Amino acid sequence: MLKPTPVLLHKTAPQVAQEIRACIGCNECLLACPALAEPITIDVLNRETLRGEISQPVARFARDCYQCSACVAPCPVGLHRDAMMMWLKVRLLRQEGEE
């Protein structure tokens, strides 16, 4: 019996940046997400995942994300938004720690 390959939910900044650059902006990950309570565009989410201030809508989304991986299967280019969300959660915790 084959064991599923584990997905590392924590990636380095260059790895996350590479995945974000590969994103085609289709929003399929966000459409599949059960935790998304208010509209966020993929371009805003991508930008705030790596740099700059994290807006309140994106911060709420990051807090509400429970890493269910519903965003992974619908991605037409095979990206792992779940790993990108983990990076965003780490950034958010660091930002809150600085305040």
PDB file of N, CA and C in Angstrom:
ATOM      1  N   MET A   1       0.828  -1.161   0.000  1.00  0.00           N
ATOM      2  CA  MET A   1       0.000   0.000   0.000  1.00  0.00           C
ATOM      3  C   MET A   1       0.886   1.242   0.000  1.00  0.00           C
ATOM      4  N   LEU A   2       0.591   2.187  -0.890  1.00  0.00           N
ATOM      5  CA  LEU A   2       1.367   3.422  -0.974  1.00  0.00           C
ATOM      6  C   LEU A   2       0.911   4.408   0.089  1.00  0.00           C
ATOM      7  N   LYS A   3       1.888   5.042   0.715  1.00  0.00           N
ATOM      8  CA  LYS A   3       1.560   6.080   1.682  1.00  0.00           C
ATOM      9  C   LYS A   3       1.519   7.412   0.957  1.00  0.00           C
ATOM     10  N   PRO A   4       0.564   8.278   1.324  1.00  0.00           N
ATOM     11  CA  PRO A   4       0.520   9.595   0.684  1.00  0.00           C
ATOM     12  C   PRO A   4       1.767  10.392   1.041  1.00  0.00           C
ATOM     13  N   THR A   5       2.235  11.175   0.099  1.00  0.00           N
ATOM     14  CA  THR A   5       3.383  12.026   0.348  1.00  0.00           C
ATOM     15  C   THR A   5       2.941  13.193   1.213  1.00  0.00           C
ATOM     16  N   PRO A   6       3.592  13.395   2.352  1.00  0.00           N
ATOM     17  CA  PRO A   6       3.181  14.513   3.207  1.00  0.00           C
ATOM     18  C   PRO A   6       3.530  15.848   2.558  1.00  0.00           C
ATOM     19  N   VAL A   7       2.685  16.815   2.777  1.00  0.00           N
ATOM     20  CA  VAL A   7       2.919  18.168   2.275  1.00  0.00           C
ATOM     21  C   VAL A   7       3.425  19.004   3.438  1.00  0.00           C
ATOM     22  N   LEU A   8       4.569  19.632   3.226  1.00  0.00           N
ATOM     23  CA  LEU A   8       5.101  20.502   4.264  1.00  0.00           C
ATOM     24  C   LEU A   8       4.319  21.804   4.251  1.00  0.00           C
ATOM     25  N   LEU A   9       3.710  22.125   5.368  1.00  0.00           N
ATOM     26  CA  LEU A   9       2.909  23.338   5.422  1.00  0.00           C
ATOM     27  C   LEU A   9       3.749  24.570   5.716  1.00  0.00           C
ATOM     28  N   HIS A  10       4.992  24.374   6.085  1.00  0.00           N
ATOM     29  CA  HIS A  10       5.836  25.543   6.300  1.00  0.00           C
ATOM     30  C   HIS A  10       6.928  25.543   5.239  1.00  0.00           C
ATOM     31  N   LYS A  11       6.982  26.619   4.505  1.00  0.00           N
ATOM     32  CA  LYS A  11       7.973  26.767   3.446  1.00  0.00           C
ATOM     33  C   LYS A  11       8.767  28.036   3.700  1.00  0.00           C
ATOM     34  N   THR A  12       9.900  28.135   3.040  1.00  0.00           N
ATOM     35  CA  THR A  12      10.716  29.334   3.167  1.00  0.00           C
ATOM     36  C   THR A  12      10.096  30.459   2.339  1.00  0.00           C
ATOM     37  N   ALA A  13      10.522  31.687   2.608  1.00  0.00           N
ATOM     38  CA  ALA A  13      10.016  32.834   1.846  1.00  0.00           C
ATOM     39  C   ALA A  13      10.257  32.666   0.348  1.00  0.00           C
ATOM     40  N   PRO A  14      11.455  32.220  -0.091  1.00  0.00           N
ATOM     41  CA  PRO A  14      11.638  32.034  -1.535  1.00  0.00           C
ATOM     42  C   PRO A  14      10.700  30.976  -2.129  1.00  0.00           C
ATOM     43  N   GLN A  15      10.405  29.923  -1.387  1.00  0.00           N
ATOM     44  CA  GLN A  15       9.493  28.893  -1.880  1.00  0.00           C
ATOM     45  C   GLN A  15       8.071  29.445  -2.012  1.00  0.00           C
ATOM     46  N   VAL A  16       7.647  30.211  -1.018  1.00  0.00           N
ATOM     47  CA  VAL A  16       6.309  30.805  -1.068  1.00  0.00           C
ATOM     48  C   VAL A  16       6.242  31.823  -2.200  1.00  0.00           C
ATOM     49  N   ALA A  17       7.288  32.635  -2.357  1.00  0.00           N
ATOM     50  CA  ALA A  17       7.321  33.623  -3.435  1.00  0.00           C
ATOM     51  C   ALA A  17       7.239  32.935  -4.795  1.00  0.00           C
ATOM     52  N   GLN A  18       7.899  31.811  -4.944  1.00  0.00           N
ATOM     53  CA  GLN A  18       7.853  31.060  -6.201  1.00  0.00           C
ATOM     54  C   GLN A  18       6.435  30.570  -6.481  1.00  0.00           C
ATOM     55  N   GLU A  19       5.752  30.069  -5.467  1.00  0.00           N
ATOM     56  CA  GLU A  19       4.376  29.607  -5.660  1.00  0.00           C
ATOM     57  C   GLU A  19       3.462  30.779  -6.014  1.00  0.00           C
ATOM     58  N   ILE A  20       3.670  31.909  -5.354  1.00  0.00           N
ATOM     59  CA  ILE A  20       2.831  33.075  -5.643  1.00  0.00           C
ATOM     60  C   ILE A  20       3.053  33.551  -7.080  1.00  0.00           C
ATOM     61  N   ARG A  21       4.296  33.545  -7.538  1.00  0.00           N
ATOM     62  CA  ARG A  21       4.572  33.929  -8.929  1.00  0.00           C
ATOM     63  C   ARG A  21       3.921  32.956  -9.915  1.00  0.00           C
ATOM     64  N   ALA A  22       3.758  31.715  -9.515  1.00  0.00           N
ATOM     65  CA  ALA A  22       3.145  30.709 -10.390  1.00  0.00           C
ATOM     66  C   ALA A  22       1.615  30.802 -10.410  1.00  0.00           C
ATOM     67  N   CYS A  23       1.049  31.537  -9.468  1.00  0.00           N
ATOM     68  CA  CYS A  23      -0.408  31.684  -9.388  1.00  0.00           C
ATOM     69  C   CYS A  23      -0.917  32.407 -10.635  1.00  0.00           C
ATOM     70  N   ILE A  24      -1.975  31.860 -11.239  1.00  0.00           N
ATOM     71  CA  ILE A  24      -2.539  32.458 -12.447  1.00  0.00           C
ATOM     72  C   ILE A  24      -3.721  33.384 -12.134  1.00  0.00           C
ATOM     73  N   GLY A  25      -4.057  33.537 -10.866  1.00  0.00           N
ATOM     74  CA  GLY A  25      -5.097  34.483 -10.462  1.00  0.00           C
ATOM     75  C   GLY A  25      -6.515  34.060 -10.758  1.00  0.00           C
ATOM     76  N   CYS A  26      -6.773  32.785 -10.806  1.00  0.00           N
ATOM     77  CA  CYS A  26      -8.112  32.302 -11.175  1.00  0.00           C
ATOM     78  C   CYS A  26      -9.120  32.359 -10.023  1.00  0.00           C
ATOM     79  N   ASN A  27      -8.661  32.477  -8.785  1.00  0.00           N
ATOM     80  CA  ASN A  27      -9.510  32.533  -7.585  1.00  0.00           C
ATOM     81  C   ASN A  27     -10.169  31.207  -7.223  1.00  0.00           C
ATOM     82  N   GLU A  28      -9.841  30.121  -7.896  1.00  0.00           N
ATOM     83  CA  GLU A  28     -10.473  28.832  -7.593  1.00  0.00           C
ATOM     84  C   GLU A  28     -10.219  28.409  -6.147  1.00  0.00           C
ATOM     85  N   CYS A  29      -9.028  28.695  -5.632  1.00  0.00           N
ATOM     86  CA  CYS A  29      -8.723  28.339  -4.240  1.00  0.00           C
ATOM     87  C   CYS A  29      -9.648  29.069  -3.274  1.00  0.00           C
ATOM     88  N   LEU A  30      -9.869  30.353  -3.545  1.00  0.00           N
ATOM     89  CA  LEU A  30     -10.736  31.135  -2.664  1.00  0.00           C
ATOM     90  C   LEU A  30     -12.194  30.720  -2.796  1.00  0.00           C
ATOM     91  N   LEU A  31     -12.609  30.365  -3.993  1.00  0.00           N
ATOM     92  CA  LEU A  31     -13.987  29.914  -4.193  1.00  0.00           C
ATOM     93  C   LEU A  31     -14.263  28.609  -3.454  1.00  0.00           C
ATOM     94  N   ALA A  32     -13.238  27.777  -3.288  1.00  0.00           N
ATOM     95  CA  ALA A  32     -13.400  26.484  -2.620  1.00  0.00           C
ATOM     96  C   ALA A  32     -13.252  26.569  -1.104  1.00  0.00           C
ATOM     97  N   CYS A  33     -12.794  27.688  -0.608  1.00  0.00           N
ATOM     98  CA  CYS A  33     -12.464  27.798   0.816  1.00  0.00           C
ATOM     99  C   CYS A  33     -13.695  27.973   1.700  1.00  0.00           C
ATOM    100  N   PRO A  34     -13.889  27.080   2.674  1.00  0.00           N
ATOM    101  CA  PRO A  34     -15.022  27.226   3.585  1.00  0.00           C
ATOM    102  C   PRO A  34     -14.790  28.288   4.663  1.00  0.00           C
ATOM    103  N   ALA A  35     -13.572  28.779   4.804  1.00  0.00           N
ATOM    104  CA  ALA A  35     -13.265  29.754   5.855  1.00  0.00           C
ATOM    105  C   ALA A  35     -13.359  31.201   5.391  1.00  0.00           C
ATOM    106  N   LEU A  36     -13.494  31.424   4.103  1.00  0.00           N
ATOM    107  CA  LEU A  36     -13.524  32.789   3.574  1.00  0.00           C
ATOM    108  C   LEU A  36     -14.900  33.398   3.811  1.00  0.00           C
ATOM    109  N   ALA A  37     -14.960  34.391   4.709  1.00  0.00           N
ATOM    110  CA  ALA A  37     -16.237  34.980   5.091  1.00  0.00           C
ATOM    111  C   ALA A  37     -16.530  36.290   4.360  1.00  0.00           C
ATOM    112  N   GLU A  38     -15.512  36.941   3.843  1.00  0.00           N
ATOM    113  CA  GLU A  38     -15.720  38.194   3.126  1.00  0.00           C
ATOM    114  C   GLU A  38     -14.861  38.195   1.872  1.00  0.00           C
ATOM    115  N   PRO A  39     -15.278  38.920   0.863  1.00  0.00           N
ATOM    116  CA  PRO A  39     -14.551  38.873  -0.408  1.00  0.00           C
ATOM    117  C   PRO A  39     -13.119  39.405  -0.296  1.00  0.00           C
ATOM    118  N   ILE A  40     -12.203  38.631  -0.809  1.00  0.00           N
ATOM    119  CA  ILE A  40     -10.795  39.017  -0.906  1.00  0.00           C
ATOM    120  C   ILE A  40     -10.351  38.584  -2.302  1.00  0.00           C
ATOM    121  N   THR A  41      -9.620  39.446  -2.975  1.00  0.00           N
ATOM    122  CA  THR A  41      -9.122  39.050  -4.286  1.00  0.00           C
ATOM    123  C   THR A  41      -7.784  38.342  -4.125  1.00  0.00           C
ATOM    124  N   ILE A  42      -7.510  37.459  -5.050  1.00  0.00           N
ATOM    125  CA  ILE A  42      -6.294  36.656  -4.974  1.00  0.00           C
ATOM    126  C   ILE A  42      -5.047  37.527  -5.079  1.00  0.00           C
ATOM    127  N   ASP A  43      -5.112  38.618  -5.843  1.00  0.00           N
ATOM    128  CA  ASP A  43      -3.940  39.475  -5.958  1.00  0.00           C
ATOM    129  C   ASP A  43      -3.600  40.148  -4.631  1.00  0.00           C
ATOM    130  N   VAL A  44      -4.613  40.564  -3.882  1.00  0.00           N
ATOM    131  CA  VAL A  44      -4.379  41.154  -2.558  1.00  0.00           C
ATOM    132  C   VAL A  44      -3.831  40.088  -1.612  1.00  0.00           C
ATOM    133  N   LEU A  45      -4.427  38.916  -1.620  1.00  0.00           N
ATOM    134  CA  LEU A  45      -3.955  37.835  -0.755  1.00  0.00           C
ATOM    135  C   LEU A  45      -2.508  37.469  -1.081  1.00  0.00           C
ATOM    136  N   ASN A  46      -2.197  37.356  -2.357  1.00  0.00           N
ATOM    137  CA  ASN A  46      -0.824  37.026  -2.753  1.00  0.00           C
ATOM    138  C   ASN A  46       0.160  38.094  -2.284  1.00  0.00           C
ATOM    139  N   ARG A  47      -0.161  39.352  -2.521  1.00  0.00           N
ATOM    140  CA  ARG A  47       0.733  40.446  -2.134  1.00  0.00           C
ATOM    141  C   ARG A  47       0.961  40.477  -0.624  1.00  0.00           C
ATOM    142  N   GLU A  48      -0.112  40.377   0.145  1.00  0.00           N
ATOM    143  CA  GLU A  48      -0.006  40.490   1.595  1.00  0.00           C
ATOM    144  C   GLU A  48       0.556  39.240   2.253  1.00  0.00           C
ATOM    145  N   THR A  49       0.598  38.149   1.527  1.00  0.00           N
ATOM    146  CA  THR A  49       1.200  36.936   2.078  1.00  0.00           C
ATOM    147  C   THR A  49       2.678  37.143   2.341  1.00  0.00           C
ATOM    148  N   LEU A  50       3.348  37.886   1.482  1.00  0.00           N
ATOM    149  CA  LEU A  50       4.800  38.036   1.588  1.00  0.00           C
ATOM    150  C   LEU A  50       5.297  39.358   2.145  1.00  0.00           C
ATOM    151  N   ARG A  51       4.588  40.442   1.915  1.00  0.00           N
ATOM    152  CA  ARG A  51       5.174  41.728   2.296  1.00  0.00           C
ATOM    153  C   ARG A  51       4.095  42.770   2.573  1.00  0.00           C
ATOM    154  N   GLY A  52       4.564  43.841   3.204  1.00  0.00           N
ATOM    155  CA  GLY A  52       3.674  44.957   3.485  1.00  0.00           C
ATOM    156  C   GLY A  52       2.764  44.683   4.667  1.00  0.00           C
ATOM    157  N   GLU A  53       1.951  45.651   4.940  1.00  0.00           N
ATOM    158  CA  GLU A  53       0.985  45.535   6.030  1.00  0.00           C
ATOM    159  C   GLU A  53      -0.102  44.538   5.655  1.00  0.00           C
ATOM    160  N   ILE A  54      -0.566  43.805   6.627  1.00  0.00           N
ATOM    161  CA  ILE A  54      -1.641  42.839   6.407  1.00  0.00           C
ATOM    162  C   ILE A  54      -2.956  43.539   6.752  1.00  0.00           C
ATOM    163  N   SER A  55      -3.839  43.659   5.766  1.00  0.00           N
ATOM    164  CA  SER A  55      -5.123  44.339   5.965  1.00  0.00           C
ATOM    165  C   SER A  55      -6.017  43.527   6.903  1.00  0.00           C
ATOM    166  N   GLN A  56      -7.012  44.183   7.454  1.00  0.00           N
ATOM    167  CA  GLN A  56      -7.931  43.502   8.373  1.00  0.00           C
ATOM    168  C   GLN A  56      -8.678  42.345   7.706  1.00  0.00           C
ATOM    169  N   PRO A  57      -9.189  42.494   6.475  1.00  0.00           N
ATOM    170  CA  PRO A  57      -9.872  41.344   5.854  1.00  0.00           C
ATOM    171  C   PRO A  57      -8.942  40.141   5.669  1.00  0.00           C
ATOM    172  N   VAL A  58      -7.712  40.388   5.259  1.00  0.00           N
ATOM    173  CA  VAL A  58      -6.760  39.295   5.064  1.00  0.00           C
ATOM    174  C   VAL A  58      -6.356  38.696   6.412  1.00  0.00           C
ATOM    175  N   ALA A  59      -6.187  39.529   7.425  1.00  0.00           N
ATOM    176  CA  ALA A  59      -5.853  39.034   8.767  1.00  0.00           C
ATOM    177  C   ALA A  59      -6.974  38.152   9.312  1.00  0.00           C
ATOM    178  N   ARG A  60      -8.222  38.585   9.125  1.00  0.00           N
ATOM    179  CA  ARG A  60      -9.354  37.764   9.590  1.00  0.00           C
ATOM    180  C   ARG A  60      -9.385  36.434   8.855  1.00  0.00           C
ATOM    181  N   PHE A  61      -9.147  36.483   7.555  1.00  0.00           N
ATOM    182  CA  PHE A  61      -9.126  35.250   6.767  1.00  0.00           C
ATOM    183  C   PHE A  61      -8.015  34.323   7.246  1.00  0.00           C
ATOM    184  N   ALA A  62      -6.837  34.868   7.496  1.00  0.00           N
ATOM    185  CA  ALA A  62      -5.713  34.046   7.969  1.00  0.00           C
ATOM    186  C   ALA A  62      -6.055  33.393   9.306  1.00  0.00           C
ATOM    187  N   ARG A  63      -6.683  34.140  10.195  1.00  0.00           N
ATOM    188  CA  ARG A  63      -7.064  33.582  11.502  1.00  0.00           C
ATOM    189  C   ARG A  63      -8.138  32.498  11.359  1.00  0.00           C
ATOM    190  N   ASP A  64      -9.048  32.686  10.399  1.00  0.00           N
ATOM    191  CA  ASP A  64     -10.149  31.732  10.220  1.00  0.00           C
ATOM    192  C   ASP A  64      -9.739  30.466   9.470  1.00  0.00           C
ATOM    193  N   CYS A  65      -8.652  30.540   8.710  1.00  0.00           N
ATOM    194  CA  CYS A  65      -8.190  29.380   7.945  1.00  0.00           C
ATOM    195  C   CYS A  65      -7.752  28.276   8.899  1.00  0.00           C
ATOM    196  N   TYR A  66      -8.300  27.091   8.728  1.00  0.00           N
ATOM    197  CA  TYR A  66      -7.940  25.984   9.615  1.00  0.00           C
ATOM    198  C   TYR A  66      -7.192  24.884   8.879  1.00  0.00           C
ATOM    199  N   GLN A  67      -6.539  25.265   7.776  1.00  0.00           N
ATOM    200  CA  GLN A  67      -5.633  24.364   7.046  1.00  0.00           C
ATOM    201  C   GLN A  67      -6.314  23.078   6.592  1.00  0.00           C
ATOM    202  N   CYS A  68      -7.530  23.176   6.090  1.00  0.00           N
ATOM    203  CA  CYS A  68      -8.262  21.981   5.661  1.00  0.00           C
ATOM    204  C   CYS A  68      -7.821  21.472   4.291  1.00  0.00           C
ATOM    205  N   SER A  69      -7.086  22.295   3.542  1.00  0.00           N
ATOM    206  CA  SER A  69      -6.569  21.965   2.209  1.00  0.00           C
ATOM    207  C   SER A  69      -7.635  21.916   1.121  1.00  0.00           C
ATOM    208  N   ALA A  70      -8.826  22.450   1.385  1.00  0.00           N
ATOM    209  CA  ALA A  70      -9.866  22.500   0.342  1.00  0.00           C
ATOM    210  C   ALA A  70      -9.413  23.348  -0.834  1.00  0.00           C
ATOM    211  N   CYS A  71      -8.451  24.218  -0.608  1.00  0.00           N
ATOM    212  CA  CYS A  71      -7.943  25.113  -1.654  1.00  0.00           C
ATOM    213  C   CYS A  71      -6.981  24.433  -2.615  1.00  0.00           C
ATOM    214  N   VAL A  72      -6.453  23.286  -2.263  1.00  0.00           N
ATOM    215  CA  VAL A  72      -5.400  22.656  -3.060  1.00  0.00           C
ATOM    216  C   VAL A  72      -5.956  21.965  -4.308  1.00  0.00           C
ATOM    217  N   ALA A  73      -6.949  21.139  -4.153  1.00  0.00           N
ATOM    218  CA  ALA A  73      -7.473  20.350  -5.280  1.00  0.00           C
ATOM    219  C   ALA A  73      -7.966  21.199  -6.452  1.00  0.00           C
ATOM    220  N   PRO A  74      -8.669  22.308  -6.221  1.00  0.00           N
ATOM    221  CA  PRO A  74      -9.173  23.063  -7.371  1.00  0.00           C
ATOM    222  C   PRO A  74      -8.126  23.902  -8.110  1.00  0.00           C
ATOM    223  N   CYS A  75      -6.920  24.002  -7.584  1.00  0.00           N
ATOM    224  CA  CYS A  75      -5.897  24.831  -8.229  1.00  0.00           C
ATOM    225  C   CYS A  75      -5.450  24.194  -9.538  1.00  0.00           C
ATOM    226  N   PRO A  76      -5.658  24.878 -10.672  1.00  0.00           N
ATOM    227  CA  PRO A  76      -5.304  24.290 -11.960  1.00  0.00           C
ATOM    228  C   PRO A  76      -3.799  24.152 -12.195  1.00  0.00           C
ATOM    229  N   VAL A  77      -2.984  24.829 -11.394  1.00  0.00           N
ATOM    230  CA  VAL A  77      -1.534  24.702 -11.566  1.00  0.00           C
ATOM    231  C   VAL A  77      -0.879  23.953 -10.400  1.00  0.00           C
ATOM    232  N   GLY A  78      -1.685  23.390  -9.515  1.00  0.00           N
ATOM    233  CA  GLY A  78      -1.169  22.528  -8.456  1.00  0.00           C
ATOM    234  C   GLY A  78      -0.462  23.229  -7.310  1.00  0.00           C
ATOM    235  N   LEU A  79      -0.851  24.461  -7.027  1.00  0.00           N
ATOM    236  CA  LEU A  79      -0.217  25.195  -5.931  1.00  0.00           C
ATOM    237  C   LEU A  79      -0.811  24.782  -4.593  1.00  0.00           C
ATOM    238  N   HIS A  80      -0.050  25.030  -3.559  1.00  0.00           N
ATOM    239  CA  HIS A  80      -0.491  24.700  -2.206  1.00  0.00           C
ATOM    240  C   HIS A  80      -0.777  25.971  -1.428  1.00  0.00           C
ATOM    241  N   ARG A  81      -1.986  26.496  -1.629  1.00  0.00           N
ATOM    242  CA  ARG A  81      -2.399  27.703  -0.912  1.00  0.00           C
ATOM    243  C   ARG A  81      -2.366  27.445   0.585  1.00  0.00           C
ATOM    244  N   ASP A  82      -2.563  26.207   1.008  1.00  0.00           N
ATOM    245  CA  ASP A  82      -2.514  25.902   2.434  1.00  0.00           C
ATOM    246  C   ASP A  82      -1.144  26.237   3.012  1.00  0.00           C
ATOM    247  N   ALA A  83      -0.079  25.937   2.293  1.00  0.00           N
ATOM    248  CA  ALA A  83       1.270  26.277   2.755  1.00  0.00           C
ATOM    249  C   ALA A  83       1.485  27.784   2.720  1.00  0.00           C
ATOM    250  N   MET A  84       0.926  28.438   1.703  1.00  0.00           N
ATOM    251  CA  MET A  84       1.033  29.895   1.641  1.00  0.00           C
ATOM    252  C   MET A  84       0.267  30.539   2.798  1.00  0.00           C
ATOM    253  N   MET A  85      -0.860  29.954   3.157  1.00  0.00           N
ATOM    254  CA  MET A  85      -1.635  30.482   4.282  1.00  0.00           C
ATOM    255  C   MET A  85      -0.872  30.301   5.591  1.00  0.00           C
ATOM    256  N   MET A  86      -0.137  29.209   5.727  1.00  0.00           N
ATOM    257  CA  MET A  86       0.673  29.013   6.927  1.00  0.00           C
ATOM    258  C   MET A  86       1.718  30.123   7.018  1.00  0.00           C
ATOM    259  N   TRP A  87       2.335  30.464   5.889  1.00  0.00           N
ATOM    260  CA  TRP A  87       3.314  31.551   5.868  1.00  0.00           C
ATOM    261  C   TRP A  87       2.639  32.863   6.287  1.00  0.00           C
ATOM    262  N   LEU A  88       1.442  33.119   5.773  1.00  0.00           N
ATOM    263  CA  LEU A  88       0.708  34.326   6.132  1.00  0.00           C
ATOM    264  C   LEU A  88       0.384  34.336   7.622  1.00  0.00           C
ATOM    265  N   LYS A  89       0.011  33.200   8.178  1.00  0.00           N
ATOM    266  CA  LYS A  89      -0.265  33.115   9.615  1.00  0.00           C
ATOM    267  C   LYS A  89       0.985  33.463  10.436  1.00  0.00           C
ATOM    268  N   VAL A  90       2.132  32.980  10.008  1.00  0.00           N
ATOM    269  CA  VAL A  90       3.388  33.284  10.701  1.00  0.00           C
ATOM    270  C   VAL A  90       3.665  34.784  10.624  1.00  0.00           C
ATOM    271  N   ARG A  91       3.500  35.366   9.435  1.00  0.00           N
ATOM    272  CA  ARG A  91       3.696  36.814   9.281  1.00  0.00           C
ATOM    273  C   ARG A  91       2.747  37.589  10.188  1.00  0.00           C
ATOM    274  N   LEU A  92       1.509  37.161  10.243  1.00  0.00           N
ATOM    275  CA  LEU A  92       0.506  37.835  11.071  1.00  0.00           C
ATOM    276  C   LEU A  92       0.891  37.771  12.541  1.00  0.00           C
ATOM    277  N   LEU A  93       1.324  36.612  13.005  1.00  0.00           N
ATOM    278  CA  LEU A  93       1.747  36.481  14.404  1.00  0.00           C
ATOM    279  C   LEU A  93       2.942  37.375  14.707  1.00  0.00           C
ATOM    280  N   ARG A  94       3.879  37.444  13.784  1.00  0.00           N
ATOM    281  CA  ARG A  94       5.039  38.316  13.977  1.00  0.00           C
ATOM    282  C   ARG A  94       4.627  39.769  14.005  1.00  0.00           C
ATOM    283  N   GLN A  95       3.727  40.158  13.094  1.00  0.00           N
ATOM    284  CA  GLN A  95       3.247  41.538  13.042  1.00  0.00           C
ATOM    285  C   GLN A  95       2.541  41.910  14.327  1.00  0.00           C
ATOM    286  N   GLU A  96       1.696  41.003  14.825  1.00  0.00           N
ATOM    287  CA  GLU A  96       0.978  41.272  16.072  1.00  0.00           C
ATOM    288  C   GLU A  96       1.930  41.334  17.251  1.00  0.00           C
ATOM    289  N   GLY A  97       3.005  40.550  17.213  1.00  0.00           N
ATOM    290  CA  GLY A  97       3.997  40.565  18.298  1.00  0.00           C
ATOM    291  C   GLY A  97       4.770  41.866  18.344  1.00  0.00           C
ATOM    292  N   GLU A  98       4.900  42.534  17.196  1.00  0.00           N
ATOM    293  CA  GLU A  98       5.625  43.807  17.143  1.00  0.00           C
ATOM    294  C   GLU A  98       4.788  44.973  17.638  1.00  0.00           C
ATOM    295  N   GLU A  99       3.476  44.804  17.655  1.00  0.00           N
ATOM    296  CA  GLU A  99       2.573  45.905  18.051  1.00  0.00           C
ATOM    297  C   GLU A  99       2.500  46.064  19.543  1.00  0.00           C
TER     298      GLU A  99
END
